Amino acid sequence: MFDKCFNNQANILTGVHCYNKATGFGGVGILGKASCAQTRIDNCYMDYNSILLEDPEQMHITNTFFLGDGNVKLRAVNGEVHGLTIVNNMFSGNDNWVPIVSLDQSHAKFHKVGQVVIDNNVVNDMVLKATKARKTVAGKGKKWTADFQSVLVFKDLVSHVDYSLYVKNHGGNTTLPAHAITSVKNNKVVVEATAEVDGVVSVAVDQYLAPGETNHLH
């Protein structure tokens, strides 16, 4: 069951309150078919309802409130998603820890992902998912691993990565080690140094690819 269904292009939906059959019982508030590119969903209230998008292309979801485990689901039909933004929304769950964005790849896998920004959403009692993430790993040693599997939306996809190594209690008495990223796999970033230090590694990653851009990390 769904409340609103888009089949054509260039739609805008604003100020709509969807309270169809609850998501937890299989209901869908808004269904965006693969043919409904250039669609904007702004300032809506998903009352225990989800938004389901099939192979989204140039879709924008913003300023929307999701209540009762309502979330955004991306369904792969041909396995492509381009120009999708899910930003500045509010999600409030029922302690079931449902991801705010989930993938349905039961019929196909997402193999082409470009210009996707899922970021700056706020979450209560649900699992935050995004295409941009930052993490700090601290400890004494020569190797640090920043694991982004729990937050990044797409599996094994990092397009850009930045990092820094802060050496604690250095005091100028020891030689600073050389260091580098040695692995970017399975949404994990590994940083290694040539000598053991008491270090703090800060890592930032994203899953955004601009038109014509090549991902050199995979």
C-alpha atoms as a PDB file:
ATOM      1  CA  MET A   1       0.000   0.000   0.000  1.00  0.00           C
ATOM      2  CA  PHE A   2       1.143   3.549  -0.683  1.00  0.00           C
ATOM      3  CA  ASP A   3      -0.295   7.011  -0.152  1.00  0.00           C
ATOM      4  CA  LYS A   4       1.343   8.962  -2.999  1.00  0.00           C
ATOM      5  CA  CYS A   5       2.882   7.516  -6.176  1.00  0.00           C
ATOM      6  CA  PHE A   6       4.957   9.378  -8.765  1.00  0.00           C
ATOM      7  CA  ASN A   7       5.361   7.961 -12.272  1.00  0.00           C
ATOM      8  CA  ASN A   8       6.356  11.077 -14.210  1.00  0.00           C
ATOM      9  CA  GLN A   9       9.089  13.702 -14.049  1.00  0.00           C
ATOM     10  CA  ALA A  10       9.391  17.193 -12.554  1.00  0.00           C
ATOM     11  CA  ASN A  11       7.217  16.775  -9.448  1.00  0.00           C
ATOM     12  CA  ILE A  12       7.191  18.744  -6.220  1.00  0.00           C
ATOM     13  CA  LEU A  13       5.524  17.582  -3.014  1.00  0.00           C
ATOM     14  CA  THR A  14       5.461  19.980  -0.078  1.00  0.00           C
ATOM     15  CA  GLY A  15       3.552  20.269   3.180  1.00  0.00           C
ATOM     16  CA  VAL A  16       2.037  16.780   2.852  1.00  0.00           C
ATOM     17  CA  HIS A  17       1.150  14.625   5.874  1.00  0.00           C
ATOM     18  CA  CYS A  18       1.357  10.905   5.015  1.00  0.00           C
ATOM     19  CA  TYR A  19      -0.265   8.520   7.508  1.00  0.00           C
ATOM     20  CA  ASN A  20      -0.891   5.427   5.395  1.00  0.00           C
ATOM     21  CA  LYS A  21      -0.401   1.848   6.650  1.00  0.00           C
ATOM     22  CA  ALA A  22       2.615   1.953   8.974  1.00  0.00           C
ATOM     23  CA  THR A  23       6.066   1.107   7.657  1.00  0.00           C
ATOM     24  CA  GLY A  24       6.447  -1.604  10.276  1.00  0.00           C
ATOM     25  CA  PHE A  25       3.506  -3.433   8.677  1.00  0.00           C
ATOM     26  CA  GLY A  26       4.754  -3.016   5.102  1.00  0.00           C
ATOM     27  CA  GLY A  27       3.132   0.291   4.216  1.00  0.00           C
ATOM     28  CA  VAL A  28       4.710   3.024   2.072  1.00  0.00           C
ATOM     29  CA  GLY A  29       3.851   6.704   2.297  1.00  0.00           C
ATOM     30  CA  ILE A  30       5.433   7.911  -0.955  1.00  0.00           C
ATOM     31  CA  LEU A  31       6.514   5.717  -3.868  1.00  0.00           C
ATOM     32  CA  GLY A  32       8.818   7.205  -6.487  1.00  0.00           C
ATOM     33  CA  LYS A  33       9.045   4.991  -9.561  1.00  0.00           C
ATOM     34  CA  ALA A  34      12.205   4.800 -11.667  1.00  0.00           C
ATOM     35  CA  SER A  35      10.600   7.121 -14.222  1.00  0.00           C
ATOM     36  CA  CYS A  36      10.016  10.040 -11.819  1.00  0.00           C
ATOM     37  CA  ALA A  37      13.294  11.971 -12.151  1.00  0.00           C
ATOM     38  CA  GLN A  38      13.560  15.628 -11.110  1.00  0.00           C
ATOM     39  CA  THR A  39      11.267  15.187  -8.101  1.00  0.00           C
ATOM     40  CA  ARG A  40      11.457  17.299  -4.925  1.00  0.00           C
ATOM     41  CA  ILE A  41       9.968  16.302  -1.566  1.00  0.00           C
ATOM     42  CA  ASP A  42      10.154  19.214   0.842  1.00  0.00           C
ATOM     43  CA  ASN A  43       8.724  19.971   4.289  1.00  0.00           C
ATOM     44  CA  CYS A  44       6.528  16.870   4.579  1.00  0.00           C
ATOM     45  CA  TYR A  45       5.466  14.769   7.584  1.00  0.00           C
ATOM     46  CA  MET A  46       5.976  11.011   7.209  1.00  0.00           C
ATOM     47  CA  ASP A  47       3.796   9.767  10.062  1.00  0.00           C
ATOM     48  CA  TYR A  48       4.948   6.166  10.621  1.00  0.00           C
ATOM     49  CA  ASN A  49       5.460   6.063   6.835  1.00  0.00           C
ATOM     50  CA  SER A  50       8.486   5.611   4.567  1.00  0.00           C
ATOM     51  CA  ILE A  51       9.555   6.959   1.205  1.00  0.00           C
ATOM     52  CA  LEU A  52      10.433   4.275  -1.344  1.00  0.00           C
ATOM     53  CA  LEU A  53      12.498   5.325  -4.374  1.00  0.00           C
ATOM     54  CA  GLU A  54      13.279   3.051  -7.326  1.00  0.00           C
ATOM     55  CA  ASP A  55      16.586   3.804  -9.103  1.00  0.00           C
ATOM     56  CA  PRO A  56      16.358   7.474  -8.061  1.00  0.00           C
ATOM     57  CA  GLU A  57      17.631  10.100 -10.484  1.00  0.00           C
ATOM     58  CA  GLN A  58      17.755  13.788  -9.558  1.00  0.00           C
ATOM     59  CA  MET A  59      15.637  13.330  -6.429  1.00  0.00           C
ATOM     60  CA  HIS A  60      15.691  15.757  -3.497  1.00  0.00           C
ATOM     61  CA  ILE A  61      14.322  15.080   0.016  1.00  0.00           C
ATOM     62  CA  THR A  62      14.711  17.823   2.603  1.00  0.00           C
ATOM     63  CA  ASN A  63      13.145  19.475   5.660  1.00  0.00           C
ATOM     64  CA  THR A  64      10.945  16.433   6.236  1.00  0.00           C
ATOM     65  CA  PHE A  65      10.011  14.819   9.565  1.00  0.00           C
ATOM     66  CA  PHE A  66       9.926  11.009   9.768  1.00  0.00           C
ATOM     67  CA  LEU A  67       8.122   9.588  12.810  1.00  0.00           C
ATOM     68  CA  GLY A  68       7.827   6.019  14.116  1.00  0.00           C
ATOM     69  CA  ASP A  69      10.660   4.322  12.194  1.00  0.00           C
ATOM     70  CA  GLY A  70       9.665   6.004   8.933  1.00  0.00           C
ATOM     71  CA  ASN A  71      12.701   6.107   6.659  1.00  0.00           C
ATOM     72  CA  VAL A  72      13.905   6.315   3.055  1.00  0.00           C
ATOM     73  CA  LYS A  73      14.309   3.074   1.127  1.00  0.00           C
ATOM     74  CA  LEU A  74      16.255   2.849  -2.132  1.00  0.00           C
ATOM     75  CA  ARG A  75      15.202  -0.034  -4.360  1.00  0.00           C
ATOM     76  CA  ALA A  76      17.485  -1.230  -7.141  1.00  0.00           C
ATOM     77  CA  VAL A  77      15.631  -1.983 -10.386  1.00  0.00           C
ATOM     78  CA  ASN A  78      18.411  -1.462 -12.924  1.00  0.00           C
ATOM     79  CA  GLY A  79      20.890  -0.753 -10.142  1.00  0.00           C
ATOM     80  CA  GLU A  80      21.581   2.943 -10.771  1.00  0.00           C
ATOM     81  CA  VAL A  81      21.246   6.018  -8.585  1.00  0.00           C
ATOM     82  CA  HIS A  82      22.245   9.494  -9.779  1.00  0.00           C
ATOM     83  CA  GLY A  83      21.744  12.959  -8.355  1.00  0.00           C
ATOM     84  CA  LEU A  84      20.082  11.980  -5.069  1.00  0.00           C
ATOM     85  CA  THR A  85      20.125  14.347  -2.086  1.00  0.00           C
ATOM     86  CA  ILE A  86      18.647  13.469   1.317  1.00  0.00           C
ATOM     87  CA  VAL A  87      19.612  16.349   3.592  1.00  0.00           C
ATOM     88  CA  ASN A  88      18.440  18.319   6.619  1.00  0.00           C
ATOM     89  CA  ASN A  89      15.685  15.926   7.691  1.00  0.00           C
ATOM     90  CA  MET A  90      14.554  14.785  11.151  1.00  0.00           C
ATOM     91  CA  PHE A  91      14.032  11.117  12.050  1.00  0.00           C
ATOM     92  CA  SER A  92      12.445   9.803  15.263  1.00  0.00           C
ATOM     93  CA  GLY A  93      12.100   6.058  15.846  1.00  0.00           C
ATOM     94  CA  ASN A  94      10.624   3.540  18.258  1.00  0.00           C
ATOM     95  CA  ASP A  95      13.844   2.071  19.666  1.00  0.00           C
ATOM     96  CA  ASN A  96      13.942  -0.558  16.894  1.00  0.00           C
ATOM     97  CA  TRP A  97      17.115   1.032  15.522  1.00  0.00           C
ATOM     98  CA  VAL A  98      15.918   1.087  11.931  1.00  0.00           C
ATOM     99  CA  PRO A  99      18.413   2.711   9.512  1.00  0.00           C
ATOM    100  CA  ILE A 100      17.210   6.107   8.298  1.00  0.00           C
ATOM    101  CA  VAL A 101      18.232   5.087   4.753  1.00  0.00           C
ATOM    102  CA  SER A 102      18.184   1.449   3.651  1.00  0.00           C
ATOM    103  CA  LEU A 103      18.839  -0.433   0.412  1.00  0.00           C
ATOM    104  CA  ASP A 104      16.550  -2.973  -1.229  1.00  0.00           C
ATOM    105  CA  GLN A 105      18.808  -4.999  -3.516  1.00  0.00           C
ATOM    106  CA  SER A 106      16.661  -8.128  -3.647  1.00  0.00           C
ATOM    107  CA  HIS A 107      16.154  -7.866  -7.422  1.00  0.00           C
ATOM    108  CA  ALA A 108      19.348  -6.073  -8.499  1.00  0.00           C
ATOM    109  CA  LYS A 109      22.503  -4.536  -7.044  1.00  0.00           C
ATOM    110  CA  PHE A 110      23.381  -0.852  -7.123  1.00  0.00           C
ATOM    111  CA  HIS A 111      26.388  -0.824  -9.451  1.00  0.00           C
ATOM    112  CA  LYS A 112      26.293   2.806 -10.643  1.00  0.00           C
ATOM    113  CA  VAL A 113      26.252   5.476  -7.924  1.00  0.00           C
ATOM    114  CA  GLY A 114      26.938   9.134  -8.675  1.00  0.00           C
ATOM    115  CA  GLN A 115      26.228  12.580  -7.230  1.00  0.00           C
ATOM    116  CA  VAL A 116      24.639  11.192  -4.068  1.00  0.00           C
ATOM    117  CA  VAL A 117      24.599  13.324  -0.908  1.00  0.00           C
ATOM    118  CA  ILE A 118      22.997  11.947   2.258  1.00  0.00           C
ATOM    119  CA  ASP A 119      24.101  14.154   5.122  1.00  0.00           C
ATOM    120  CA  ASN A 120      23.136  16.631   7.868  1.00  0.00           C
ATOM    121  CA  ASN A 121      20.166  14.596   9.086  1.00  0.00           C
ATOM    122  CA  VAL A 122      19.303  14.346  12.780  1.00  0.00           C
ATOM    123  CA  VAL A 123      18.290  11.076  14.385  1.00  0.00           C
ATOM    124  CA  ASN A 124      16.599   9.836  17.556  1.00  0.00           C
ATOM    125  CA  ASP A 125      16.370   6.078  18.328  1.00  0.00           C
ATOM    126  CA  MET A 126      17.258   5.103  14.742  1.00  0.00           C
ATOM    127  CA  VAL A 127      20.522   4.279  12.963  1.00  0.00           C
ATOM    128  CA  LEU A 128      22.204   7.228  11.284  1.00  0.00           C
ATOM    129  CA  LYS A 129      23.250   6.524   7.700  1.00  0.00           C
ATOM    130  CA  ALA A 130      25.118   8.913   5.418  1.00  0.00           C
ATOM    131  CA  THR A 131      27.397   9.202   2.415  1.00  0.00           C
ATOM    132  CA  LYS A 132      29.803  11.413   4.368  1.00  0.00           C
ATOM    133  CA  ALA A 133      31.392  10.450   7.668  1.00  0.00           C
ATOM    134  CA  ARG A 134      34.193  11.315  10.059  1.00  0.00           C
ATOM    135  CA  LYS A 135      35.846   9.243  12.731  1.00  0.00           C
ATOM    136  CA  THR A 136      38.703   9.545  15.223  1.00  0.00           C
ATOM    137  CA  VAL A 137      40.777   6.556  16.323  1.00  0.00           C
ATOM    138  CA  ALA A 138      43.234   6.875  19.199  1.00  0.00           C
ATOM    139  CA  GLY A 139      45.873   4.566  20.643  1.00  0.00           C
ATOM    140  CA  LYS A 140      49.534   3.775  20.994  1.00  0.00           C
ATOM    141  CA  GLY A 141      50.855   1.771  18.084  1.00  0.00           C
ATOM    142  CA  LYS A 142      51.853   1.769  14.416  1.00  0.00           C
ATOM    143  CA  LYS A 143      48.454   1.014  12.843  1.00  0.00           C
ATOM    144  CA  TRP A 144      44.966   2.495  13.179  1.00  0.00           C
ATOM    145  CA  THR A 145      41.729   1.419  11.472  1.00  0.00           C
ATOM    146  CA  ALA A 146      38.710   3.675  10.993  1.00  0.00           C
ATOM    147  CA  ASP A 147      35.651   1.511  10.327  1.00  0.00           C
ATOM    148  CA  PHE A 148      32.765   3.271   8.539  1.00  0.00           C
ATOM    149  CA  GLN A 149      30.671   0.186   7.757  1.00  0.00           C
ATOM    150  CA  SER A 150      27.941   1.086  10.229  1.00  0.00           C
ATOM    151  CA  VAL A 151      27.294   4.569   8.848  1.00  0.00           C
ATOM    152  CA  LEU A 152      28.004   4.608   5.088  1.00  0.00           C
ATOM    153  CA  VAL A 153      24.994   3.829   2.907  1.00  0.00           C
ATOM    154  CA  PHE A 154      26.684   1.914   0.085  1.00  0.00           C
ATOM    155  CA  LYS A 155      28.806  -1.143   0.728  1.00  0.00           C
ATOM    156  CA  ASP A 156      32.538  -1.032  -0.069  1.00  0.00           C
ATOM    157  CA  LEU A 157      32.406   2.422  -1.649  1.00  0.00           C
ATOM    158  CA  VAL A 158      34.739   5.247  -0.615  1.00  0.00           C
ATOM    159  CA  SER A 159      35.298   7.938  -3.226  1.00  0.00           C
ATOM    160  CA  HIS A 160      37.456  10.396  -1.259  1.00  0.00           C
ATOM    161  CA  VAL A 161      39.412  10.183   1.971  1.00  0.00           C
ATOM    162  CA  ASP A 162      41.334  12.702   4.082  1.00  0.00           C
ATOM    163  CA  TYR A 163      43.235  11.989   7.269  1.00  0.00           C
ATOM    164  CA  SER A 164      45.595  13.481   9.817  1.00  0.00           C
ATOM    165  CA  LEU A 165      47.818  11.993  12.516  1.00  0.00           C
ATOM    166  CA  TYR A 166      48.236  13.823  15.798  1.00  0.00           C
ATOM    167  CA  VAL A 167      51.171  12.565  17.891  1.00  0.00           C
ATOM    168  CA  LYS A 168      50.479  13.041  21.595  1.00  0.00           C
ATOM    169  CA  ASN A 169      53.137  13.932  24.152  1.00  0.00           C
ATOM    170  CA  HIS A 170      55.746  14.433  21.470  1.00  0.00           C
ATOM    171  CA  GLY A 171      57.688  17.240  23.085  1.00  0.00           C
ATOM    172  CA  GLY A 172      60.207  17.348  20.269  1.00  0.00           C
ATOM    173  CA  ASN A 173      62.266  14.559  21.815  1.00  0.00           C
ATOM    174  CA  THR A 174      61.611  11.889  19.211  1.00  0.00           C
ATOM    175  CA  THR A 175      61.611  11.794  15.438  1.00  0.00           C
ATOM    176  CA  LEU A 176      58.158  11.985  13.920  1.00  0.00           C
ATOM    177  CA  PRO A 177      57.360   8.854  11.911  1.00  0.00           C
ATOM    178  CA  ALA A 178      56.367   8.687   8.280  1.00  0.00           C
ATOM    179  CA  HIS A 179      52.751   7.633   7.853  1.00  0.00           C
ATOM    180  CA  ALA A 180      50.263   6.882   5.092  1.00  0.00           C
ATOM    181  CA  ILE A 181      46.940   5.298   4.236  1.00  0.00           C
ATOM    182  CA  THR A 182      47.660   1.690   3.309  1.00  0.00           C
ATOM    183  CA  SER A 183      44.166   0.304   2.673  1.00  0.00           C
ATOM    184  CA  VAL A 184      40.672   1.518   1.716  1.00  0.00           C
ATOM    185  CA  LYS A 185      38.512  -1.609   1.576  1.00  0.00           C
ATOM    186  CA  ASN A 186      35.067  -2.617   2.836  1.00  0.00           C
ATOM    187  CA  ASN A 187      34.476   0.964   4.029  1.00  0.00           C
ATOM    188  CA  LYS A 188      37.481   0.731   6.330  1.00  0.00           C
ATOM    189  CA  VAL A 189      40.487   3.069   6.184  1.00  0.00           C
ATOM    190  CA  VAL A 190      43.831   1.832   7.521  1.00  0.00           C
ATOM    191  CA  VAL A 191      46.620   4.242   8.452  1.00  0.00           C
ATOM    192  CA  GLU A 192      50.105   2.956   9.259  1.00  0.00           C
ATOM    193  CA  ALA A 193      53.258   4.625  10.640  1.00  0.00           C
ATOM    194  CA  THR A 194      56.917   3.627  10.519  1.00  0.00           C
ATOM    195  CA  ALA A 195      57.311   3.845  14.302  1.00  0.00           C
ATOM    196  CA  GLU A 196      55.124   3.343  17.334  1.00  0.00           C
ATOM    197  CA  VAL A 197      53.566   6.529  18.698  1.00  0.00           C
ATOM    198  CA  ASP A 198      50.744   7.571  20.981  1.00  0.00           C
ATOM    199  CA  GLY A 199      48.577   8.872  18.188  1.00  0.00           C
ATOM    200  CA  VAL A 200      45.136  10.160  17.257  1.00  0.00           C
ATOM    201  CA  VAL A 201      44.076   9.573  13.659  1.00  0.00           C
ATOM    202  CA  SER A 202      41.191  11.623  12.263  1.00  0.00           C
ATOM    203  CA  VAL A 203      39.619  10.340   9.030  1.00  0.00           C
ATOM    204  CA  ALA A 204      36.947  11.824   6.751  1.00  0.00           C
ATOM    205  CA  VAL A 205      35.383   9.931   3.841  1.00  0.00           C
ATOM    206  CA  ASP A 206      32.592  10.363   1.324  1.00  0.00           C
ATOM    207  CA  GLN A 207      30.785   8.363  -1.359  1.00  0.00           C
ATOM    208  CA  TYR A 208      30.271  11.236  -3.823  1.00  0.00           C
ATOM    209  CA  LEU A 209      31.361  10.995  -7.452  1.00  0.00           C
ATOM    210  CA  ALA A 210      31.008  14.014  -9.738  1.00  0.00           C
ATOM    211  CA  PRO A 211      30.030  13.533 -13.394  1.00  0.00           C
ATOM    212  CA  GLY A 212      32.968  12.068 -15.294  1.00  0.00           C
ATOM    213  CA  GLU A 213      34.992  11.515 -12.124  1.00  0.00           C
ATOM    214  CA  THR A 214      36.875   8.237 -11.700  1.00  0.00           C
ATOM    215  CA  ASN A 215      37.109   6.536  -8.323  1.00  0.00           C
ATOM    216  CA  HIS A 216      40.812   5.764  -7.989  1.00  0.00           C
ATOM    217  CA  LEU A 217      40.379   4.077  -4.614  1.00  0.00           C
ATOM    218  CA  HIS A 218      38.718   0.969  -6.085  1.00  0.00           C
END
